[in-house]
């Protein structure tokens, strides 16, 4: 069975998505915590490594359970649920939430950084950009090209 959450988890592991994510999020970490560039880069690398390891296990299952729940609840659209814009939006939100929870935990407990509203907002913005980039790349870049 193929569904957006499964496709997204594969795309989030593409080398160029990982590289772009580390650098984009490092920039946001510099803004959020006023970290020097090297420290921000290492913090981003650590958080994204943890997110990749845990997310590769959670996102496919979360996506599958979402597909099952939506179909059992009868919340499908007129053209069906699978691969609808709503289905992709849910996959995006799942990917965003999973990455965000893991990365915030790494910054808070692994690096001892204080997480205020500003920091959480900036890290959320970075993840919206990077997970959004992965979702959009599915439409424009075939998997055999990455």
N, C-alpha and C. Protein backbone atom coordinates (compact mmCIF):
# COMPACT_ATOMS: atom_id res chain seq x y z
N UNK A 1 0.84 -1.17 0.00
CA UNK A 1 0.00 0.00 0.00
C UNK A 1 0.90 1.24 0.00
N UNK A 2 0.62 2.16 -0.89
CA UNK A 2 1.37 3.41 -1.00
C UNK A 2 0.44 4.56 -0.60
N UNK A 3 0.96 5.50 0.15
CA UNK A 3 0.18 6.65 0.60
C UNK A 3 1.15 7.81 0.83
N UNK A 4 0.64 9.05 0.85
CA UNK A 4 1.52 10.21 0.95
C UNK A 4 2.51 10.20 2.11
N UNK A 5 2.11 9.74 3.28
CA UNK A 5 3.03 9.70 4.42
C UNK A 5 4.24 8.84 4.14
N UNK A 6 4.03 7.74 3.42
CA UNK A 6 5.13 6.84 3.07
C UNK A 6 6.06 7.49 2.04
N UNK A 7 5.46 8.12 1.05
CA UNK A 7 6.26 8.80 0.02
C UNK A 7 7.04 9.96 0.64
N UNK A 8 6.39 10.72 1.52
CA UNK A 8 7.08 11.84 2.17
C UNK A 8 8.23 11.37 3.04
N UNK A 9 8.05 10.26 3.77
CA UNK A 9 9.16 9.79 4.61
C UNK A 9 10.35 9.39 3.77
N UNK A 10 10.10 8.86 2.59
CA UNK A 10 11.21 8.53 1.68
C UNK A 10 11.89 9.80 1.18
N UNK A 11 11.10 10.79 0.80
CA UNK A 11 11.67 12.02 0.25
C UNK A 11 12.44 12.81 1.30
N UNK A 12 11.98 12.77 2.55
CA UNK A 12 12.70 13.47 3.61
C UNK A 12 14.09 12.91 3.83
N UNK A 13 14.34 11.70 3.34
CA UNK A 13 15.66 11.08 3.48
C UNK A 13 16.55 11.27 2.25
N UNK A 14 16.07 12.01 1.26
CA UNK A 14 16.89 12.30 0.08
C UNK A 14 18.08 13.16 0.51
N UNK A 15 19.26 12.87 -0.03
CA UNK A 15 20.48 13.54 0.41
C UNK A 15 20.37 15.06 0.27
N UNK A 16 19.77 15.53 -0.82
CA UNK A 16 19.73 16.97 -1.04
C UNK A 16 18.70 17.65 -0.14
N UNK A 17 17.65 16.95 0.25
CA UNK A 17 16.69 17.50 1.22
C UNK A 17 17.38 17.61 2.58
N UNK A 18 18.11 16.57 2.96
CA UNK A 18 18.82 16.58 4.25
C UNK A 18 19.84 17.72 4.29
N UNK A 19 20.63 17.86 3.23
CA UNK A 19 21.65 18.92 3.19
C UNK A 19 21.01 20.30 3.26
N UNK A 20 19.98 20.52 2.45
CA UNK A 20 19.29 21.82 2.47
C UNK A 20 18.68 22.09 3.84
N UNK A 21 18.08 21.07 4.42
CA UNK A 21 17.43 21.21 5.73
C UNK A 21 18.43 21.61 6.80
N UNK A 22 19.58 20.97 6.82
CA UNK A 22 20.59 21.28 7.84
C UNK A 22 21.02 22.74 7.75
N UNK A 23 21.26 23.22 6.54
CA UNK A 23 21.71 24.61 6.38
C UNK A 23 20.58 25.62 6.63
N UNK A 24 19.38 25.33 6.13
CA UNK A 24 18.25 26.24 6.35
C UNK A 24 17.95 26.35 7.84
N UNK A 25 17.87 25.20 8.50
CA UNK A 25 17.54 25.22 9.93
C UNK A 25 18.67 25.81 10.76
N UNK A 26 19.91 25.65 10.33
CA UNK A 26 21.03 26.29 11.05
C UNK A 26 20.87 27.81 11.03
N UNK A 27 20.45 28.34 9.89
CA UNK A 27 20.21 29.78 9.81
C UNK A 27 19.14 30.24 10.78
N UNK A 28 18.08 29.47 10.88
CA UNK A 28 17.02 29.81 11.82
C UNK A 28 17.48 29.65 13.27
N UNK A 29 18.34 28.67 13.53
CA UNK A 29 18.88 28.49 14.88
C UNK A 29 19.76 29.68 15.28
N UNK A 30 20.50 30.22 14.33
CA UNK A 30 21.31 31.40 14.62
C UNK A 30 20.40 32.56 15.04
N UNK A 31 19.26 32.70 14.37
CA UNK A 31 18.31 33.75 14.72
C UNK A 31 17.61 33.46 16.05
N UNK A 32 17.20 32.21 16.24
CA UNK A 32 16.41 31.85 17.42
C UNK A 32 17.21 31.91 18.71
N UNK A 33 18.43 31.42 18.66
CA UNK A 33 19.22 31.29 19.89
C UNK A 33 20.49 32.14 19.89
N UNK A 34 20.70 32.90 18.81
CA UNK A 34 21.90 33.71 18.67
C UNK A 34 23.17 32.86 18.80
N UNK A 35 23.12 31.72 18.13
CA UNK A 35 24.27 30.81 18.14
C UNK A 35 25.26 31.22 17.06
N UNK A 36 26.55 30.99 17.29
CA UNK A 36 27.53 31.17 16.22
C UNK A 36 27.24 30.16 15.10
N UNK A 37 27.62 30.47 13.86
CA UNK A 37 27.30 29.60 12.73
C UNK A 37 27.72 28.13 12.92
N UNK A 38 28.91 27.88 13.43
CA UNK A 38 29.37 26.50 13.59
C UNK A 38 28.52 25.76 14.61
N UNK A 39 28.20 26.41 15.72
CA UNK A 39 27.36 25.78 16.74
C UNK A 39 25.96 25.51 16.20
N UNK A 40 25.42 26.46 15.44
CA UNK A 40 24.09 26.28 14.85
C UNK A 40 24.09 25.12 13.87
N UNK A 41 25.16 25.01 13.10
CA UNK A 41 25.27 23.91 12.14
C UNK A 41 25.31 22.56 12.84
N UNK A 42 26.09 22.45 13.90
CA UNK A 42 26.16 21.19 14.64
C UNK A 42 24.84 20.87 15.35
N UNK A 43 24.19 21.89 15.90
CA UNK A 43 22.90 21.67 16.56
C UNK A 43 21.86 21.20 15.54
N UNK A 44 21.86 21.82 14.37
CA UNK A 44 20.94 21.42 13.31
C UNK A 44 21.23 19.99 12.85
N UNK A 45 22.49 19.68 12.71
CA UNK A 45 22.89 18.32 12.31
C UNK A 45 22.42 17.29 13.33
N UNK A 46 22.63 17.57 14.61
CA UNK A 46 22.21 16.64 15.67
C UNK A 46 20.70 16.47 15.70
N UNK A 47 19.98 17.59 15.65
CA UNK A 47 18.52 17.52 15.71
C UNK A 47 17.94 16.81 14.50
N UNK A 48 18.50 17.06 13.34
CA UNK A 48 17.99 16.42 12.13
C UNK A 48 18.39 14.95 12.05
N UNK A 49 19.52 14.59 12.63
CA UNK A 49 19.89 13.17 12.70
C UNK A 49 18.90 12.43 13.59
N UNK A 50 18.59 13.00 14.74
CA UNK A 50 17.61 12.38 15.64
C UNK A 50 16.24 12.32 14.98
N UNK A 51 15.87 13.38 14.31
CA UNK A 51 14.59 13.44 13.63
C UNK A 51 14.50 12.41 12.51
N UNK A 52 15.59 12.20 11.80
CA UNK A 52 15.60 11.21 10.71
C UNK A 52 15.47 9.80 11.27
N UNK A 53 16.22 9.50 12.32
CA UNK A 53 16.20 8.15 12.89
C UNK A 53 14.82 7.82 13.45
N UNK A 54 14.26 8.74 14.22
CA UNK A 54 12.95 8.49 14.83
C UNK A 54 11.83 8.66 13.81
N UNK A 55 11.93 9.71 13.00
CA UNK A 55 10.88 10.00 12.02
C UNK A 55 10.70 8.92 10.97
N UNK A 56 11.79 8.27 10.57
CA UNK A 56 11.68 7.22 9.55
C UNK A 56 10.85 6.05 10.08
N UNK A 57 10.78 5.91 11.38
CA UNK A 57 9.96 4.85 11.98
C UNK A 57 8.53 5.32 12.25
N UNK A 58 8.37 6.57 12.65
CA UNK A 58 7.06 7.06 13.07
C UNK A 58 6.19 7.53 11.90
N UNK A 59 6.74 8.33 10.98
CA UNK A 59 5.94 8.95 9.92
C UNK A 59 5.20 7.94 9.05
N UNK A 60 5.82 6.88 8.58
CA UNK A 60 5.05 5.93 7.76
C UNK A 60 3.87 5.31 8.52
N UNK A 61 4.09 4.97 9.78
CA UNK A 61 3.00 4.37 10.56
C UNK A 61 1.92 5.40 10.88
N UNK A 62 2.32 6.62 11.21
CA UNK A 62 1.34 7.67 11.48
C UNK A 62 0.51 7.94 10.23
N UNK A 63 1.17 7.96 9.07
CA UNK A 63 0.45 8.14 7.81
C UNK A 63 -0.51 7.01 7.52
N UNK A 64 -0.07 5.79 7.77
CA UNK A 64 -0.93 4.62 7.54
C UNK A 64 -2.15 4.66 8.46
N UNK A 65 -1.93 4.92 9.74
CA UNK A 65 -3.05 4.98 10.69
C UNK A 65 -4.01 6.11 10.34
N UNK A 66 -3.49 7.22 9.83
CA UNK A 66 -4.34 8.31 9.40
C UNK A 66 -5.21 7.88 8.23
N UNK A 67 -4.61 7.19 7.26
CA UNK A 67 -5.37 6.69 6.10
C UNK A 67 -6.50 5.78 6.56
N UNK A 68 -6.18 4.87 7.47
CA UNK A 68 -7.17 3.92 7.97
C UNK A 68 -8.28 4.66 8.72
N UNK A 69 -7.90 5.59 9.60
CA UNK A 69 -8.88 6.32 10.41
C UNK A 69 -9.81 7.15 9.54
N UNK A 70 -9.26 7.84 8.55
CA UNK A 70 -10.08 8.67 7.67
C UNK A 70 -11.08 7.80 6.90
N UNK A 71 -10.62 6.68 6.38
CA UNK A 71 -11.52 5.81 5.63
C UNK A 71 -12.58 5.18 6.52
N UNK A 72 -12.20 4.76 7.72
CA UNK A 72 -13.18 4.15 8.64
C UNK A 72 -14.21 5.17 9.10
N UNK A 73 -13.78 6.41 9.27
CA UNK A 73 -14.69 7.47 9.72
C UNK A 73 -15.57 7.99 8.58
N UNK A 74 -15.29 7.58 7.35
CA UNK A 74 -16.07 8.03 6.21
C UNK A 74 -15.80 9.48 5.83
N UNK A 75 -14.62 9.97 6.12
CA UNK A 75 -14.28 11.36 5.84
C UNK A 75 -13.67 11.56 4.46
N UNK A 76 -13.93 10.65 3.56
CA UNK A 76 -13.35 10.77 2.22
C UNK A 76 -14.05 11.86 1.43
N UNK A 77 -13.39 12.36 0.42
CA UNK A 77 -13.97 13.39 -0.44
C UNK A 77 -14.75 12.72 -1.57
N UNK A 78 -15.38 13.53 -2.42
CA UNK A 78 -16.16 12.98 -3.54
C UNK A 78 -15.29 12.15 -4.48
N UNK A 79 -14.04 12.52 -4.61
CA UNK A 79 -13.14 11.79 -5.50
C UNK A 79 -12.27 10.79 -4.75
N UNK A 80 -12.58 10.60 -3.48
CA UNK A 80 -11.78 9.69 -2.67
C UNK A 80 -10.78 10.46 -1.84
N UNK A 81 -10.16 9.80 -0.91
CA UNK A 81 -9.22 10.45 -0.01
C UNK A 81 -7.78 10.28 -0.47
N UNK A 82 -7.43 9.07 -0.89
CA UNK A 82 -6.03 8.76 -1.20
C UNK A 82 -5.47 9.73 -2.24
N UNK A 83 -4.37 10.35 -1.89
CA UNK A 83 -3.63 11.27 -2.75
C UNK A 83 -4.40 12.54 -3.09
N UNK A 84 -5.46 12.84 -2.35
CA UNK A 84 -6.18 14.10 -2.52
C UNK A 84 -5.34 15.22 -1.89
N UNK A 85 -5.65 16.47 -2.20
CA UNK A 85 -4.92 17.56 -1.55
C UNK A 85 -5.00 17.50 -0.02
N UNK A 86 -6.15 17.05 0.49
CA UNK A 86 -6.29 16.93 1.93
C UNK A 86 -5.35 15.87 2.49
N UNK A 87 -5.19 14.78 1.76
CA UNK A 87 -4.29 13.70 2.18
C UNK A 87 -2.85 14.19 2.23
N UNK A 88 -2.45 14.96 1.21
CA UNK A 88 -1.09 15.51 1.20
C UNK A 88 -0.91 16.54 2.32
N UNK A 89 -1.96 17.32 2.60
CA UNK A 89 -1.88 18.29 3.69
C UNK A 89 -1.68 17.59 5.03
N UNK A 90 -2.38 16.48 5.22
CA UNK A 90 -2.23 15.71 6.46
C UNK A 90 -0.82 15.13 6.55
N UNK A 91 -0.29 14.63 5.44
CA UNK A 91 1.08 14.10 5.43
C UNK A 91 2.08 15.21 5.79
N UNK A 92 1.88 16.40 5.23
CA UNK A 92 2.73 17.55 5.55
C UNK A 92 2.66 17.87 7.04
N UNK A 93 1.45 17.94 7.58
CA UNK A 93 1.28 18.28 9.00
C UNK A 93 1.87 17.21 9.92
N UNK A 94 1.72 15.94 9.54
CA UNK A 94 2.33 14.87 10.33
C UNK A 94 3.85 14.99 10.32
N UNK A 95 4.42 15.18 9.12
CA UNK A 95 5.87 15.34 9.01
C UNK A 95 6.37 16.53 9.80
N UNK A 96 5.64 17.63 9.71
CA UNK A 96 5.99 18.84 10.45
C UNK A 96 5.94 18.60 11.95
N UNK A 97 4.86 18.02 12.43
CA UNK A 97 4.70 17.80 13.87
C UNK A 97 5.75 16.84 14.42
N UNK A 98 6.00 15.76 13.70
CA UNK A 98 6.99 14.77 14.17
C UNK A 98 8.38 15.40 14.22
N UNK A 99 8.78 16.07 13.13
CA UNK A 99 10.10 16.72 13.12
C UNK A 99 10.21 17.76 14.22
N UNK A 100 9.17 18.55 14.38
CA UNK A 100 9.21 19.64 15.34
C UNK A 100 9.36 19.13 16.77
N UNK A 101 8.59 18.14 17.14
CA UNK A 101 8.66 17.60 18.51
C UNK A 101 10.06 17.04 18.79
N UNK A 102 10.60 16.29 17.85
CA UNK A 102 11.92 15.68 18.05
C UNK A 102 13.00 16.75 18.11
N UNK A 103 12.98 17.68 17.17
CA UNK A 103 14.01 18.71 17.14
C UNK A 103 13.95 19.63 18.37
N UNK A 104 12.75 20.01 18.77
CA UNK A 104 12.64 20.84 19.97
C UNK A 104 13.18 20.12 21.20
N UNK A 105 12.92 18.82 21.28
CA UNK A 105 13.45 18.03 22.40
C UNK A 105 14.98 18.00 22.38
N UNK A 106 15.56 17.86 21.20
CA UNK A 106 17.03 17.85 21.09
C UNK A 106 17.60 19.21 21.52
N UNK A 107 16.99 20.29 21.05
CA UNK A 107 17.50 21.62 21.42
C UNK A 107 17.35 21.88 22.92
N UNK A 108 16.23 21.46 23.48
CA UNK A 108 15.97 21.71 24.91
C UNK A 108 16.79 20.80 25.81
N UNK A 109 16.73 19.50 25.55
CA UNK A 109 17.36 18.55 26.47
C UNK A 109 18.78 18.16 26.06
N UNK A 110 19.07 18.16 24.78
CA UNK A 110 20.41 17.82 24.32
C UNK A 110 21.38 18.99 24.40
N UNK A 111 20.86 20.20 24.14
CA UNK A 111 21.71 21.39 24.13
C UNK A 111 21.41 22.34 25.28
N UNK A 112 20.36 22.09 26.02
CA UNK A 112 20.01 22.95 27.15
C UNK A 112 19.56 24.34 26.75
N UNK A 113 19.06 24.48 25.53
CA UNK A 113 18.60 25.79 25.06
C UNK A 113 17.20 26.07 25.59
N UNK A 114 16.95 27.31 25.93
CA UNK A 114 15.63 27.70 26.43
C UNK A 114 14.69 27.94 25.25
N UNK A 115 13.50 27.37 25.35
CA UNK A 115 12.53 27.47 24.27
C UNK A 115 11.40 28.41 24.66
N UNK A 116 11.47 29.63 24.17
CA UNK A 116 10.39 30.58 24.35
C UNK A 116 9.52 30.61 23.10
N UNK A 117 8.54 31.48 23.11
CA UNK A 117 7.63 31.59 21.97
C UNK A 117 8.39 31.94 20.69
N UNK A 118 9.33 32.86 20.78
CA UNK A 118 10.11 33.29 19.61
C UNK A 118 10.91 32.13 19.03
N UNK A 119 11.57 31.37 19.89
CA UNK A 119 12.40 30.26 19.44
C UNK A 119 11.53 29.17 18.78
N UNK A 120 10.43 28.84 19.42
CA UNK A 120 9.54 27.81 18.86
C UNK A 120 8.96 28.29 17.53
N UNK A 121 8.60 29.56 17.44
CA UNK A 121 8.05 30.10 16.19
C UNK A 121 9.08 30.03 15.07
N UNK A 122 10.33 30.38 15.36
CA UNK A 122 11.37 30.35 14.33
C UNK A 122 11.70 28.92 13.90
N UNK A 123 11.75 28.01 14.85
CA UNK A 123 12.03 26.61 14.51
C UNK A 123 10.86 26.01 13.74
N UNK A 124 9.64 26.40 14.10
CA UNK A 124 8.46 25.96 13.35
C UNK A 124 8.53 26.48 11.92
N UNK A 125 8.87 27.75 11.76
CA UNK A 125 8.98 28.34 10.42
C UNK A 125 10.02 27.60 9.58
N UNK A 126 11.15 27.28 10.19
CA UNK A 126 12.19 26.53 9.46
C UNK A 126 11.67 25.17 9.02
N UNK A 127 10.93 24.50 9.88
CA UNK A 127 10.39 23.19 9.54
C UNK A 127 9.27 23.27 8.52
N UNK A 128 8.48 24.33 8.55
CA UNK A 128 7.46 24.53 7.52
C UNK A 128 8.15 24.63 6.16
N UNK A 129 9.24 25.38 6.11
CA UNK A 129 9.98 25.53 4.85
C UNK A 129 10.57 24.20 4.40
N UNK A 130 11.23 23.49 5.29
CA UNK A 130 11.96 22.29 4.87
C UNK A 130 11.03 21.11 4.58
N UNK A 131 10.01 20.90 5.41
CA UNK A 131 9.05 19.82 5.12
C UNK A 131 8.23 20.20 3.89
N UNK A 132 7.87 21.48 3.78
CA UNK A 132 7.16 21.94 2.59
C UNK A 132 7.97 21.75 1.33
N UNK A 133 9.27 22.01 1.42
CA UNK A 133 10.17 21.78 0.29
C UNK A 133 10.15 20.30 -0.12
N UNK A 134 10.15 19.41 0.85
CA UNK A 134 10.12 17.98 0.55
C UNK A 134 8.80 17.59 -0.11
N UNK A 135 7.68 18.11 0.41
CA UNK A 135 6.37 17.79 -0.17
C UNK A 135 6.28 18.32 -1.60
N UNK A 136 6.66 19.57 -1.80
CA UNK A 136 6.59 20.16 -3.14
C UNK A 136 7.52 19.46 -4.12
N UNK A 137 8.66 19.00 -3.63
CA UNK A 137 9.60 18.33 -4.53
C UNK A 137 9.02 17.03 -5.10
N UNK A 138 8.09 16.43 -4.38
CA UNK A 138 7.46 15.19 -4.86
C UNK A 138 6.71 15.47 -6.16
N UNK A 139 6.09 16.64 -6.25
CA UNK A 139 5.33 17.00 -7.44
C UNK A 139 6.23 17.37 -8.62
N UNK A 140 7.41 17.91 -8.33
CA UNK A 140 8.24 18.45 -9.40
C UNK A 140 9.50 17.66 -9.73
N UNK A 141 9.94 16.82 -8.82
CA UNK A 141 11.18 16.07 -9.05
C UNK A 141 10.89 14.58 -8.87
N UNK A 142 10.87 13.83 -9.96
CA UNK A 142 10.61 12.39 -9.84
C UNK A 142 11.65 11.70 -8.97
N UNK A 143 11.23 10.66 -8.28
CA UNK A 143 12.12 9.99 -7.33
C UNK A 143 13.37 9.41 -7.98
N UNK A 144 13.31 9.04 -9.25
CA UNK A 144 14.50 8.47 -9.88
C UNK A 144 15.57 9.53 -10.17
N UNK A 145 15.25 10.81 -9.99
CA UNK A 145 16.23 11.87 -10.23
C UNK A 145 16.95 12.32 -8.97
N UNK A 146 16.61 11.76 -7.84
CA UNK A 146 17.33 12.17 -6.63
C UNK A 146 18.08 10.99 -6.15
